[in-house]
PDB file of all heavy atoms in Angstrom:
ATOM      1  N   PHE A   1      17.994  62.111  -3.699  1.00  0.00           N
ATOM      2  CA  PHE A   1      17.642  60.734  -3.885  1.00  0.00           C
ATOM      3  C   PHE A   1      18.558  59.820  -2.986  1.00  0.00           C
ATOM      4  O   PHE A   1      19.767  59.945  -3.007  1.00  0.00           O
ATOM      5  CB  PHE A   1      17.836  60.271  -5.318  1.00  0.00           C
ATOM      6  CG  PHE A   1      16.862  60.933  -6.259  1.00  0.00           C
ATOM      7  CD1 PHE A   1      17.126  62.118  -6.930  1.00  0.00           C
ATOM      8  CD2 PHE A   1      15.565  60.408  -6.429  1.00  0.00           C
ATOM      9  CE1 PHE A   1      16.218  62.727  -7.772  1.00  0.00           C
ATOM     10  CE2 PHE A   1      14.651  60.972  -7.261  1.00  0.00           C
ATOM     11  CZ  PHE A   1      14.940  62.124  -7.932  1.00  0.00           C
ATOM     12  N   SER A   2      17.891  58.978  -2.194  1.00  0.00           N
ATOM     13  CA  SER A   2      18.661  58.107  -1.308  1.00  0.00           C
ATOM     14  C   SER A   2      19.108  56.858  -2.090  1.00  0.00           C
ATOM     15  O   SER A   2      18.645  56.575  -3.219  1.00  0.00           O
ATOM     16  CB  SER A   2      17.807  57.667  -0.127  1.00  0.00           C
ATOM     17  OG  SER A   2      16.717  56.846  -0.598  1.00  0.00           O
ATOM     18  N   ASP A   3      19.935  56.080  -1.460  1.00  0.00           N
ATOM     19  CA  ASP A   3      20.412  54.789  -2.113  1.00  0.00           C
ATOM     20  C   ASP A   3      19.207  53.859  -2.300  1.00  0.00           C
ATOM     21  O   ASP A   3      19.099  53.151  -3.249  1.00  0.00           O
ATOM     22  CB  ASP A   3      21.505  54.100  -1.200  1.00  0.00           C
ATOM     23  CG  ASP A   3      22.772  54.912  -1.292  1.00  0.00           C
ATOM     24  OD1 ASP A   3      22.921  55.792  -2.130  1.00  0.00           O
ATOM     25  OD2 ASP A   3      23.670  54.582  -0.388  1.00  0.00           O
ATOM     26  N   ALA A   4      18.264  53.901  -1.317  1.00  0.00           N
ATOM     27  CA  ALA A   4      17.051  53.037  -1.404  1.00  0.00           C
ATOM     28  C   ALA A   4      16.197  53.517  -2.592  1.00  0.00           C
ATOM     29  O   ALA A   4      15.617  52.648  -3.330  1.00  0.00           O
ATOM     30  CB  ALA A   4      16.243  53.140  -0.132  1.00  0.00           C
ATOM     31  N   ASP A   5      16.103  54.808  -2.811  1.00  0.00           N
ATOM     32  CA  ASP A   5      15.331  55.303  -3.989  1.00  0.00           C
ATOM     33  C   ASP A   5      15.974  54.764  -5.252  1.00  0.00           C
ATOM     34  O   ASP A   5      15.241  54.346  -6.245  1.00  0.00           O
ATOM     35  CB  ASP A   5      15.367  56.815  -4.008  1.00  0.00           C
ATOM     36  CG  ASP A   5      14.632  57.458  -2.923  1.00  0.00           C
ATOM     37  OD1 ASP A   5      13.682  56.774  -2.379  1.00  0.00           O
ATOM     38  OD2 ASP A   5      14.959  58.591  -2.552  1.00  0.00           O
ATOM     39  N   LEU A   6      17.328  54.772  -5.337  1.00  0.00           N
ATOM     40  CA  LEU A   6      18.018  54.298  -6.528  1.00  0.00           C
ATOM     41  C   LEU A   6      17.811  52.787  -6.739  1.00  0.00           C
ATOM     42  O   LEU A   6      17.638  52.331  -7.874  1.00  0.00           O
ATOM     43  CB  LEU A   6      19.465  54.630  -6.406  1.00  0.00           C
ATOM     44  CG  LEU A   6      19.855  56.146  -6.394  1.00  0.00           C
ATOM     45  CD1 LEU A   6      21.325  56.350  -6.230  1.00  0.00           C
ATOM     46  CD2 LEU A   6      19.321  56.871  -7.604  1.00  0.00           C
ATOM     47  N   ALA A   7      17.883  52.010  -5.695  1.00  0.00           N
ATOM     48  CA  ALA A   7      17.653  50.599  -5.760  1.00  0.00           C
ATOM     49  C   ALA A   7      16.306  50.284  -6.302  1.00  0.00           C
ATOM     50  O   ALA A   7      16.146  49.330  -7.146  1.00  0.00           O
ATOM     51  CB  ALA A   7      17.864  49.936  -4.410  1.00  0.00           C
ATOM     52  N   GLU A   8      15.259  51.064  -5.878  1.00  0.00           N
ATOM     53  CA  GLU A   8      13.914  50.897  -6.399  1.00  0.00           C
ATOM     54  C   GLU A   8      13.890  51.239  -7.838  1.00  0.00           C
ATOM     55  O   GLU A   8      13.244  50.535  -8.671  1.00  0.00           O
ATOM     56  CB  GLU A   8      12.925  51.676  -5.598  1.00  0.00           C
ATOM     57  CG  GLU A   8      11.510  51.525  -6.095  1.00  0.00           C
ATOM     58  CD  GLU A   8      10.486  52.410  -5.313  1.00  0.00           C
ATOM     59  OE1 GLU A   8      10.980  53.283  -4.527  1.00  0.00           O
ATOM     60  OE2 GLU A   8       9.277  52.193  -5.510  1.00  0.00           O
ATOM     61  N   LEU A   9      14.531  52.326  -8.252  1.00  0.00           N
ATOM     62  CA  LEU A   9      14.486  52.804  -9.670  1.00  0.00           C
ATOM     63  C   LEU A   9      15.235  51.797 -10.568  1.00  0.00           C
ATOM     64  O   LEU A   9      14.765  51.541 -11.692  1.00  0.00           O
ATOM     65  CB  LEU A   9      15.135  54.157  -9.738  1.00  0.00           C
ATOM     66  CG  LEU A   9      15.301  54.733 -11.113  1.00  0.00           C
ATOM     67  CD1 LEU A   9      13.892  55.021 -11.750  1.00  0.00           C
ATOM     68  CD2 LEU A   9      16.093  56.053 -11.064  1.00  0.00           C
ATOM     69  N   PHE A  10      16.359  51.255 -10.064  1.00  0.00           N
ATOM     70  CA  PHE A  10      17.149  50.317 -10.925  1.00  0.00           C
ATOM     71  C   PHE A  10      16.702  48.887 -10.811  1.00  0.00           C
ATOM     72  O   PHE A  10      17.101  48.019 -11.590  1.00  0.00           O
ATOM     73  CB  PHE A  10      18.625  50.420 -10.515  1.00  0.00           C
ATOM     74  CG  PHE A  10      19.204  51.745 -10.609  1.00  0.00           C
ATOM     75  CD1 PHE A  10      20.323  52.118  -9.845  1.00  0.00           C
ATOM     76  CD2 PHE A  10      18.713  52.732 -11.497  1.00  0.00           C
ATOM     77  CE1 PHE A  10      20.933  53.420  -9.897  1.00  0.00           C
ATOM     78  CE2 PHE A  10      19.317  53.975 -11.585  1.00  0.00           C
ATOM     79  CZ  PHE A  10      20.375  54.346 -10.789  1.00  0.00           C
ATOM     80  N   ILE A  11      15.793  48.666  -9.860  1.00  0.00           N
ATOM     81  CA  ILE A  11      15.253  47.319  -9.562  1.00  0.00           C
ATOM     82  C   ILE A  11      16.439  46.382  -9.246  1.00  0.00           C
ATOM     83  O   ILE A  11      16.613  45.319  -9.814  1.00  0.00           O
ATOM     84  CB  ILE A  11      14.419  46.726 -10.687  1.00  0.00           C
ATOM     85  CG1 ILE A  11      13.445  47.767 -11.246  1.00  0.00           C
ATOM     86  CG2 ILE A  11      13.573  45.515 -10.281  1.00  0.00           C
ATOM     87  CD1 ILE A  11      12.588  47.377 -12.413  1.00  0.00           C
ATOM     88  N   THR A  12      17.254  46.824  -8.304  1.00  0.00           N
ATOM     89  CA  THR A  12      18.421  46.041  -7.862  1.00  0.00           C
ATOM     90  C   THR A  12      18.324  45.759  -6.371  1.00  0.00           C
ATOM     91  O   THR A  12      17.500  46.326  -5.660  1.00  0.00           O
ATOM     92  CB  THR A  12      19.725  46.807  -8.137  1.00  0.00           C
ATOM     93  OG1 THR A  12      19.705  48.066  -7.509  1.00  0.00           O
ATOM     94  CG2 THR A  12      19.870  47.020  -9.633  1.00  0.00           C
ATOM     95  N   ALA A  13      19.205  44.895  -5.923  1.00  0.00           N
ATOM     96  CA  ALA A  13      19.287  44.569  -4.438  1.00  0.00           C
ATOM     97  C   ALA A  13      19.662  45.837  -3.614  1.00  0.00           C
ATOM     98  O   ALA A  13      19.069  46.144  -2.587  1.00  0.00           O
ATOM     99  CB  ALA A  13      20.214  43.428  -4.174  1.00  0.00           C
ATOM    100  N   SER A  14      20.701  46.487  -4.068  1.00  0.00           N
ATOM    101  CA  SER A  14      21.242  47.668  -3.361  1.00  0.00           C
ATOM    102  C   SER A  14      21.912  48.620  -4.327  1.00  0.00           C
ATOM    103  O   SER A  14      22.383  48.223  -5.407  1.00  0.00           O
ATOM    104  CB  SER A  14      22.117  47.270  -2.209  1.00  0.00           C
ATOM    105  OG  SER A  14      23.359  46.722  -2.789  1.00  0.00           O
ATOM    106  N   VAL A  15      22.132  49.868  -3.846  1.00  0.00           N
ATOM    107  CA  VAL A  15      22.946  50.850  -4.611  1.00  0.00           C
ATOM    108  C   VAL A  15      23.721  51.607  -3.568  1.00  0.00           C
ATOM    109  O   VAL A  15      23.241  52.020  -2.544  1.00  0.00           O
ATOM    110  CB  VAL A  15      22.023  51.811  -5.383  1.00  0.00           C
ATOM    111  CG1 VAL A  15      22.895  52.878  -6.043  1.00  0.00           C
ATOM    112  CG2 VAL A  15      21.237  51.066  -6.490  1.00  0.00           C
ATOM    113  N   THR A  16      25.001  51.743  -3.845  1.00  0.00           N
ATOM    114  CA  THR A  16      25.876  52.607  -3.087  1.00  0.00           C
ATOM    115  C   THR A  16      26.565  53.609  -3.983  1.00  0.00           C
ATOM    116  O   THR A  16      26.619  53.370  -5.182  1.00  0.00           O
ATOM    117  CB  THR A  16      26.845  51.808  -2.203  1.00  0.00           C
ATOM    118  OG1 THR A  16      27.590  50.912  -3.139  1.00  0.00           O
ATOM    119  CG2 THR A  16      26.165  50.923  -1.184  1.00  0.00           C
ATOM    120  N   ARG A  17      27.170  54.602  -3.385  1.00  0.00           N
ATOM    121  CA  ARG A  17      27.876  55.681  -4.202  1.00  0.00           C
ATOM    122  C   ARG A  17      29.330  55.304  -4.194  1.00  0.00           C
ATOM    123  O   ARG A  17      29.961  54.849  -3.210  1.00  0.00           O
ATOM    124  CB  ARG A  17      27.645  57.008  -3.596  1.00  0.00           C
ATOM    125  CG  ARG A  17      26.260  57.377  -3.192  1.00  0.00           C
ATOM    126  CD  ARG A  17      25.232  57.527  -4.289  1.00  0.00           C
ATOM    127  NE  ARG A  17      23.870  57.587  -3.788  1.00  0.00           N
ATOM    128  CZ  ARG A  17      23.226  58.711  -3.650  1.00  0.00           C
ATOM    129  NH1 ARG A  17      23.809  59.904  -3.995  1.00  0.00           N
ATOM    130  NH2 ARG A  17      22.003  58.732  -3.159  1.00  0.00           N
ATOM    131  N   GLY A  18      30.029  55.637  -5.299  1.00  0.00           N
ATOM    132  CA  GLY A  18      31.405  55.421  -5.478  1.00  0.00           C
ATOM    133  C   GLY A  18      31.978  56.355  -6.553  1.00  0.00           C
ATOM    134  O   GLY A  18      31.482  57.432  -6.838  1.00  0.00           O
ATOM    135  N   GLN A  19      32.997  55.823  -7.291  1.00  0.00           N
ATOM    136  CA  GLN A  19      33.651  56.613  -8.347  1.00  0.00           C
ATOM    137  C   GLN A  19      33.055  56.308  -9.690  1.00  0.00           C
ATOM    138  O   GLN A  19      33.048  57.113 -10.566  1.00  0.00           O
ATOM    139  CB  GLN A  19      35.163  56.358  -8.306  1.00  0.00           C
ATOM    140  CG  GLN A  19      35.872  56.705  -7.033  1.00  0.00           C
ATOM    141  CD  GLN A  19      35.706  58.242  -6.801  1.00  0.00           C
ATOM    142  OE1 GLN A  19      35.876  59.016  -7.704  1.00  0.00           O
ATOM    143  NE2 GLN A  19      35.426  58.590  -5.556  1.00  0.00           N
ATOM    144  N   ALA A  20      32.619  55.039  -9.899  1.00  0.00           N
ATOM    145  CA  ALA A  20      32.148  54.584 -11.200  1.00  0.00           C
ATOM    146  C   ALA A  20      31.192  53.392 -11.068  1.00  0.00           C
ATOM    147  O   ALA A  20      31.068  52.851  -9.944  1.00  0.00           O
ATOM    148  CB  ALA A  20      33.342  54.215 -12.121  1.00  0.00           C
ATOM    149  N   ILE A  21      30.448  53.080 -12.115  1.00  0.00           N
ATOM    150  CA  ILE A  21      29.525  51.980 -12.059  1.00  0.00           C
ATOM    151  C   ILE A  21      30.271  50.701 -11.863  1.00  0.00           C
ATOM    152  O   ILE A  21      31.190  50.367 -12.609  1.00  0.00           O
ATOM    153  CB  ILE A  21      28.622  51.966 -13.306  1.00  0.00           C
ATOM    154  CG1 ILE A  21      27.725  53.225 -13.331  1.00  0.00           C
ATOM    155  CG2 ILE A  21      27.756  50.738 -13.302  1.00  0.00           C
ATOM    156  CD1 ILE A  21      26.885  53.359 -14.571  1.00  0.00           C
ATOM    157  N   ALA A  22      29.802  49.861 -10.955  1.00  0.00           N
ATOM    158  CA  ALA A  22      30.313  48.502 -10.743  1.00  0.00           C
ATOM    159  C   ALA A  22      29.116  47.617 -10.281  1.00  0.00           C
ATOM    160  O   ALA A  22      28.252  48.061  -9.537  1.00  0.00           O
ATOM    161  CB  ALA A  22      31.364  48.481  -9.712  1.00  0.00           C
ATOM    162  N   VAL A  23      29.139  46.381 -10.694  1.00  0.00           N
ATOM    163  CA  VAL A  23      28.077  45.479 -10.347  1.00  0.00           C
ATOM    164  C   VAL A  23      28.641  44.142  -9.864  1.00  0.00           C
ATOM    165  O   VAL A  23      29.642  43.602 -10.335  1.00  0.00           O
ATOM    166  CB  VAL A  23      27.202  45.164 -11.613  1.00  0.00           C
ATOM    167  CG1 VAL A  23      26.050  44.225 -11.259  1.00  0.00           C
ATOM    168  CG2 VAL A  23      26.648  46.454 -12.221  1.00  0.00           C
ATOM    169  N   SER A  24      28.023  43.618  -8.762  1.00  0.00           N
ATOM    170  CA  SER A  24      28.377  42.305  -8.275  1.00  0.00           C
ATOM    171  C   SER A  24      27.141  41.580  -7.770  1.00  0.00           C
ATOM    172  O   SER A  24      26.057  42.222  -7.592  1.00  0.00           O
ATOM    173  CB  SER A  24      29.342  42.441  -7.097  1.00  0.00           C
ATOM    174  OG  SER A  24      28.838  43.190  -6.024  1.00  0.00           O
ATOM    175  N   ARG A  25      27.222  40.313  -7.469  1.00  0.00           N
ATOM    176  CA  ARG A  25      26.094  39.535  -7.033  1.00  0.00           C
ATOM    177  C   ARG A  25      25.955  39.758  -5.574  1.00  0.00           C
ATOM    178  O   ARG A  25      26.893  39.648  -4.790  1.00  0.00           O
ATOM    179  CB  ARG A  25      26.234  38.076  -7.373  1.00  0.00           C
ATOM    180  CG  ARG A  25      24.892  37.279  -7.199  1.00  0.00           C
ATOM    181  CD  ARG A  25      25.084  35.808  -7.319  1.00  0.00           C
ATOM    182  NE  ARG A  25      23.808  35.159  -7.394  1.00  0.00           N
ATOM    183  CZ  ARG A  25      22.993  34.947  -6.338  1.00  0.00           C
ATOM    184  NH1 ARG A  25      23.365  35.375  -5.093  1.00  0.00           N
ATOM    185  NH2 ARG A  25      21.876  34.311  -6.512  1.00  0.00           N
ATOM    186  N   THR A  26      24.735  39.953  -5.098  1.00  0.00           N
ATOM    187  CA  THR A  26      24.491  40.184  -3.684  1.00  0.00           C
ATOM    188  C   THR A  26      24.509  38.872  -2.902  1.00  0.00           C
ATOM    189  O   THR A  26      24.245  37.822  -3.416  1.00  0.00           O
ATOM    190  CB  THR A  26      23.111  40.875  -3.464  1.00  0.00           C
ATOM    191  OG1 THR A  26      22.933  41.184  -2.058  1.00  0.00           O
ATOM    192  CG2 THR A  26      21.951  39.974  -3.909  1.00  0.00           C
ATOM    193  N   ASP A  27      24.830  38.984  -1.626  1.00  0.00           N
ATOM    194  CA  ASP A  27      24.756  37.829  -0.726  1.00  0.00           C
ATOM    195  C   ASP A  27      23.507  37.792   0.105  1.00  0.00           C
ATOM    196  O   ASP A  27      23.353  36.872   0.930  1.00  0.00           O
ATOM    197  CB  ASP A  27      25.975  37.841   0.206  1.00  0.00           C
ATOM    198  CG  ASP A  27      27.318  37.636  -0.570  1.00  0.00           C
ATOM    199  OD1 ASP A  27      27.276  36.878  -1.556  1.00  0.00           O
ATOM    200  OD2 ASP A  27      28.321  38.240  -0.194  1.00  0.00           O
ATOM    201  N   ASP A  28      22.626  38.792  -0.046  1.00  0.00           N
ATOM    202  CA  ASP A  28      21.434  38.886   0.782  1.00  0.00           C
ATOM    203  C   ASP A  28      20.426  37.793   0.351  1.00  0.00           C
ATOM    204  O   ASP A  28      20.462  37.263  -0.689  1.00  0.00           O
ATOM    205  CB  ASP A  28      20.833  40.252   0.652  1.00  0.00           C
ATOM    206  CG  ASP A  28      21.706  41.352   1.255  1.00  0.00           C
ATOM    207  OD1 ASP A  28      22.515  41.015   2.186  1.00  0.00           O
ATOM    208  OD2 ASP A  28      21.652  42.511   0.772  1.00  0.00           O
ATOM    209  N   SER A  29      19.466  37.605   1.264  1.00  0.00           N
ATOM    210  CA  SER A  29      18.418  36.542   1.042  1.00  0.00           C
ATOM    211  C   SER A  29      17.199  37.221   0.457  1.00  0.00           C
ATOM    212  O   SER A  29      16.982  38.465   0.586  1.00  0.00           O
ATOM    213  CB  SER A  29      18.048  35.862   2.346  1.00  0.00           C
ATOM    214  OG  SER A  29      19.184  35.179   2.874  1.00  0.00           O
ATOM    215  N   LYS A  30      16.302  36.423  -0.131  1.00  0.00           N
ATOM    216  CA  LYS A  30      15.168  36.961  -0.863  1.00  0.00           C
ATOM    217  C   LYS A  30      13.877  36.904  -0.013  1.00  0.00           C
ATOM    218  O   LYS A  30      13.519  35.846   0.542  1.00  0.00           O
ATOM    219  CB  LYS A  30      14.945  36.101  -2.165  1.00  0.00           C
ATOM    220  CG  LYS A  30      13.765  36.540  -2.946  1.00  0.00           C
ATOM    221  CD  LYS A  30      13.391  35.561  -4.038  1.00  0.00           C
ATOM    222  CE  LYS A  30      14.412  35.544  -5.128  1.00  0.00           C
ATOM    223  NZ  LYS A  30      13.967  34.693  -6.317  1.00  0.00           N
ATOM    224  N   CYS A  31      13.174  38.011  -0.023  1.00  0.00           N
ATOM    225  CA  CYS A  31      11.857  38.014   0.588  1.00  0.00           C
ATOM    226  C   CYS A  31      10.886  37.153  -0.177  1.00  0.00           C
ATOM    227  O   CYS A  31      10.869  37.146  -1.421  1.00  0.00           O
ATOM    228  CB  CYS A  31      11.347  39.455   0.650  1.00  0.00           C
ATOM    229  SG  CYS A  31       9.611  39.645   1.215  1.00  0.00           S
ATOM    230  N   GLY A  32      10.140  36.335   0.561  1.00  0.00           N
ATOM    231  CA  GLY A  32       9.256  35.378  -0.102  1.00  0.00           C
ATOM    232  C   GLY A  32       7.983  36.008  -0.740  1.00  0.00           C
ATOM    233  O   GLY A  32       7.280  35.402  -1.468  1.00  0.00           O
ATOM    234  N   ARG A  33       7.763  37.288  -0.491  1.00  0.00           N
ATOM    235  CA  ARG A  33       6.593  37.947  -1.002  1.00  0.00           C
ATOM    236  C   ARG A  33       6.896  38.981  -2.162  1.00  0.00           C
ATOM    237  O   ARG A  33       6.358  38.890  -3.191  1.00  0.00           O
ATOM    238  CB  ARG A  33       5.871  38.689   0.119  1.00  0.00           C
ATOM    239  CG  ARG A  33       4.550  39.421  -0.309  1.00  0.00           C
ATOM    240  CD  ARG A  33       3.806  39.923   0.907  1.00  0.00           C
ATOM    241  NE  ARG A  33       2.560  40.542   0.427  1.00  0.00           N
ATOM    242  CZ  ARG A  33       2.441  41.851   0.239  1.00  0.00           C
ATOM    243  NH1 ARG A  33       3.532  42.635   0.363  1.00  0.00           N
ATOM    244  NH2 ARG A  33       1.296  42.422  -0.101  1.00  0.00           N
ATOM    245  N   CYS A  34       7.872  39.871  -1.887  1.00  0.00           N
ATOM    246  CA  CYS A  34       8.192  40.908  -2.886  1.00  0.00           C
ATOM    247  C   CYS A  34       9.402  40.524  -3.694  1.00  0.00           C
ATOM    248  O   CYS A  34       9.712  41.211  -4.708  1.00  0.00           O
ATOM    249  CB  CYS A  34       8.408  42.248  -2.246  1.00  0.00           C
ATOM    250  SG  CYS A  34       9.870  42.346  -1.256  1.00  0.00           S
ATOM    251  N   TRP A  35      10.160  39.466  -3.314  1.00  0.00           N
ATOM    252  CA  TRP A  35      11.309  38.944  -4.060  1.00  0.00           C
ATOM    253  C   TRP A  35      12.484  39.850  -3.993  1.00  0.00           C
ATOM    254  O   TRP A  35      13.481  39.681  -4.695  1.00  0.00           O
ATOM    255  CB  TRP A  35      10.984  38.601  -5.527  1.00  0.00           C
ATOM    256  CG  TRP A  35      10.051  37.455  -5.699  1.00  0.00           C
ATOM    257  CD1 TRP A  35       9.393  36.810  -4.732  1.00  0.00           C
ATOM    258  CD2 TRP A  35       9.647  36.836  -6.896  1.00  0.00           C
ATOM    259  NE1 TRP A  35       8.610  35.813  -5.212  1.00  0.00           N
ATOM    260  CE2 TRP A  35       8.776  35.791  -6.610  1.00  0.00           C
ATOM    261  CE3 TRP A  35       9.987  37.063  -8.222  1.00  0.00           C
ATOM    262  CZ2 TRP A  35       8.172  34.978  -7.595  1.00  0.00           C
ATOM    263  CZ3 TRP A  35       9.451  36.262  -9.204  1.00  0.00           C
ATOM    264  CH2 TRP A  35       8.524  35.249  -8.882  1.00  0.00           C
ATOM    265  N   ARG A  36      12.436  40.944  -3.179  1.00  0.00           N
ATOM    266  CA  ARG A  36      13.581  41.781  -2.993  1.00  0.00           C
ATOM    267  C   ARG A  36      14.635  41.014  -2.190  1.00  0.00           C
ATOM    268  O   ARG A  36      14.248  40.337  -1.229  1.00  0.00           O
ATOM    269  CB  ARG A  36      13.218  43.086  -2.250  1.00  0.00           C
ATOM    270  CG  ARG A  36      12.254  44.037  -3.063  1.00  0.00           C
ATOM    271  CD  ARG A  36      13.010  44.726  -4.174  1.00  0.00           C
ATOM    272  NE  ARG A  36      14.184  45.449  -3.716  1.00  0.00           N
ATOM    273  CZ  ARG A  36      14.116  46.668  -3.219  1.00  0.00           C
ATOM    274  NH1 ARG A  36      12.984  47.338  -3.106  1.00  0.00           N
ATOM    275  NH2 ARG A  36      15.282  47.273  -2.894  1.00  0.00           N
ATOM    276  N   LEU A  37      15.943  41.223  -2.510  1.00  0.00           N
ATOM    277  CA  LEU A  37      17.004  40.636  -1.757  1.00  0.00           C
ATOM    278  C   LEU A  37      17.553  41.692  -0.804  1.00  0.00           C
ATOM    279  O   LEU A  37      18.110  42.692  -1.319  1.00  0.00           O
ATOM    280  CB  LEU A  37      18.090  40.109  -2.658  1.00  0.00           C
ATOM    281  CG  LEU A  37      17.765  38.754  -3.330  1.00  0.00           C
ATOM    282  CD1 LEU A  37      16.906  38.948  -4.575  1.00  0.00           C
ATOM    283  CD2 LEU A  37      19.057  37.999  -3.714  1.00  0.00           C
ATOM    284  N   LEU A  38      17.331  41.537   0.487  1.00  0.00           N
ATOM    285  CA  LEU A  38      17.654  42.603   1.461  1.00  0.00           C
ATOM    286  C   LEU A  38      18.392  42.088   2.680  1.00  0.00           C
ATOM    287  O   LEU A  38      18.171  40.895   3.108  1.00  0.00           O
ATOM    288  CB  LEU A  38      16.332  43.273   1.885  1.00  0.00           C
ATOM    289  CG  LEU A  38      15.408  43.887   0.798  1.00  0.00           C
ATOM    290  CD1 LEU A  38      14.077  44.190   1.319  1.00  0.00           C
ATOM    291  CD2 LEU A  38      16.132  45.159   0.298  1.00  0.00           C
ATOM    292  N   PRO A  39      19.242  42.885   3.291  1.00  0.00           N
ATOM    293  CA  PRO A  39      19.910  42.480   4.489  1.00  0.00           C
ATOM    294  C   PRO A  39      19.025  42.023   5.649  1.00  0.00           C
ATOM    295  O   PRO A  39      19.394  41.182   6.425  1.00  0.00           O
ATOM    296  CB  PRO A  39      20.777  43.664   4.854  1.00  0.00           C
ATOM    297  CG  PRO A  39      20.838  44.486   3.621  1.00  0.00           C
ATOM    298  CD  PRO A  39      19.587  44.306   2.926  1.00  0.00           C
ATOM    299  N   GLU A  40      17.856  42.643   5.709  1.00  0.00           N
ATOM    300  CA  GLU A  40      16.952  42.346   6.781  1.00  0.00           C
ATOM    301  C   GLU A  40      16.265  40.966   6.712  1.00  0.00           C
ATOM    302  O   GLU A  40      15.624  40.523   7.673  1.00  0.00           O
ATOM    303  CB  GLU A  40      15.897  43.408   6.901  1.00  0.00           C
ATOM    304  CG  GLU A  40      14.945  43.473   5.687  1.00  0.00           C
ATOM    305  CD  GLU A  40      14.172  44.761   5.555  1.00  0.00           C
ATOM    306  OE1 GLU A  40      14.794  45.815   5.270  1.00  0.00           O
ATOM    307  OE2 GLU A  40      12.975  44.739   5.765  1.00  0.00           O
ATOM    308  N   VAL A  41      16.360  40.309   5.502  1.00  0.00           N
ATOM    309  CA  VAL A  41      15.723  39.008   5.354  1.00  0.00           C
ATOM    310  C   VAL A  41      16.753  37.928   5.788  1.00  0.00           C
ATOM    311  O   VAL A  41      17.788  37.817   5.160  1.00  0.00           O
ATOM    312  CB  VAL A  41      15.293  38.785   3.867  1.00  0.00           C
ATOM    313  CG1 VAL A  41      14.726  37.401   3.689  1.00  0.00           C
ATOM    314  CG2 VAL A  41      14.351  39.923   3.455  1.00  0.00           C
ATOM    315  N   ALA A  42      16.437  37.176   6.833  1.00  0.00           N
ATOM    316  CA  ALA A  42      17.370  36.246   7.378  1.00  0.00           C
ATOM    317  C   ALA A  42      17.601  35.041   6.441  1.00  0.00           C
ATOM    318  O   ALA A  42      18.778  34.697   6.179  1.00  0.00           O
ATOM    319  CB  ALA A  42      16.929  35.730   8.730  1.00  0.00           C
ATOM    320  N   GLU A  43      16.572  34.499   5.873  1.00  0.00           N
ATOM    321  CA  GLU A  43      16.652  33.359   4.982  1.00  0.00           C
ATOM    322  C   GLU A  43      15.690  33.496   3.811  1.00  0.00           C
ATOM    323  O   GLU A  43      14.673  34.190   3.958  1.00  0.00           O
ATOM    324  CB  GLU A  43      16.319  32.008   5.716  1.00  0.00           C
ATOM    325  CG  GLU A  43      17.305  31.679   6.913  1.00  0.00           C
ATOM    326  CD  GLU A  43      16.887  30.395   7.555  1.00  0.00           C
ATOM    327  OE1 GLU A  43      15.887  29.783   7.099  1.00  0.00           O
ATOM    328  OE2 GLU A  43      17.606  29.986   8.462  1.00  0.00           O
ATOM    329  N   ASP A  44      16.037  32.861   2.671  1.00  0.00           N
ATOM    330  CA  ASP A  44      15.162  32.925   1.499  1.00  0.00           C
ATOM    331  C   ASP A  44      13.749  32.453   1.968  1.00  0.00           C
ATOM    332  O   ASP A  44      13.634  31.384   2.621  1.00  0.00           O
ATOM    333  CB  ASP A  44      15.711  32.046   0.410  1.00  0.00           C
ATOM    334  CG  ASP A  44      16.859  32.690  -0.311  1.00  0.00           C
ATOM    335  OD1 ASP A  44      17.127  33.866  -0.093  1.00  0.00           O
ATOM    336  OD2 ASP A  44      17.515  31.931  -1.066  1.00  0.00           O
ATOM    337  N   GLY A  45      12.754  33.247   1.584  1.00  0.00           N
ATOM    338  CA  GLY A  45      11.377  32.851   1.906  1.00  0.00           C
ATOM    339  C   GLY A  45      10.822  33.646   3.080  1.00  0.00           C
ATOM    340  O   GLY A  45       9.585  33.741   3.227  1.00  0.00           O
ATOM    341  N   ASP A  46      11.671  34.200   3.927  1.00  0.00           N
ATOM    342  CA  ASP A  46      11.169  35.026   5.038  1.00  0.00           C
ATOM    343  C   ASP A  46      10.724  36.349   4.455  1.00  0.00           C
ATOM    344  O   ASP A  46      10.959  36.693   3.273  1.00  0.00           O
ATOM    345  CB  ASP A  46      12.341  35.309   6.038  1.00  0.00           C
ATOM    346  CG  ASP A  46      12.692  34.075   6.844  1.00  0.00           C
ATOM    347  OD1 ASP A  46      11.952  33.092   6.804  1.00  0.00           O
ATOM    348  OD2 ASP A  46      13.747  34.083   7.495  1.00  0.00           O
ATOM    349  N   LEU A  47       9.941  37.079   5.263  1.00  0.00           N
ATOM    350  CA  LEU A  47       9.428  38.365   4.711  1.00  0.00           C
ATOM    351  C   LEU A  47      10.249  39.539   5.223  1.00  0.00           C
ATOM    352  O   LEU A  47      10.818  39.511   6.329  1.00  0.00           O
ATOM    353  CB  LEU A  47       8.006  38.572   5.296  1.00  0.00           C
ATOM    354  CG  LEU A  47       6.938  37.553   4.821  1.00  0.00           C
ATOM    355  CD1 LEU A  47       5.544  37.941   5.312  1.00  0.00           C
ATOM    356  CD2 LEU A  47       6.981  37.385   3.338  1.00  0.00           C
TER     357      LEU A  47
END
């Protein structure tokens, strides 16, 4: 399972591996169609 698979399963912006569970707010922007917050989205509302 990739990190992208886990993000889809958890319905989160991103997932990375570490020592224990930790959660923080993402700084990425929101896709205007699927509402995913991803690094590839330059500004909120872009696709």
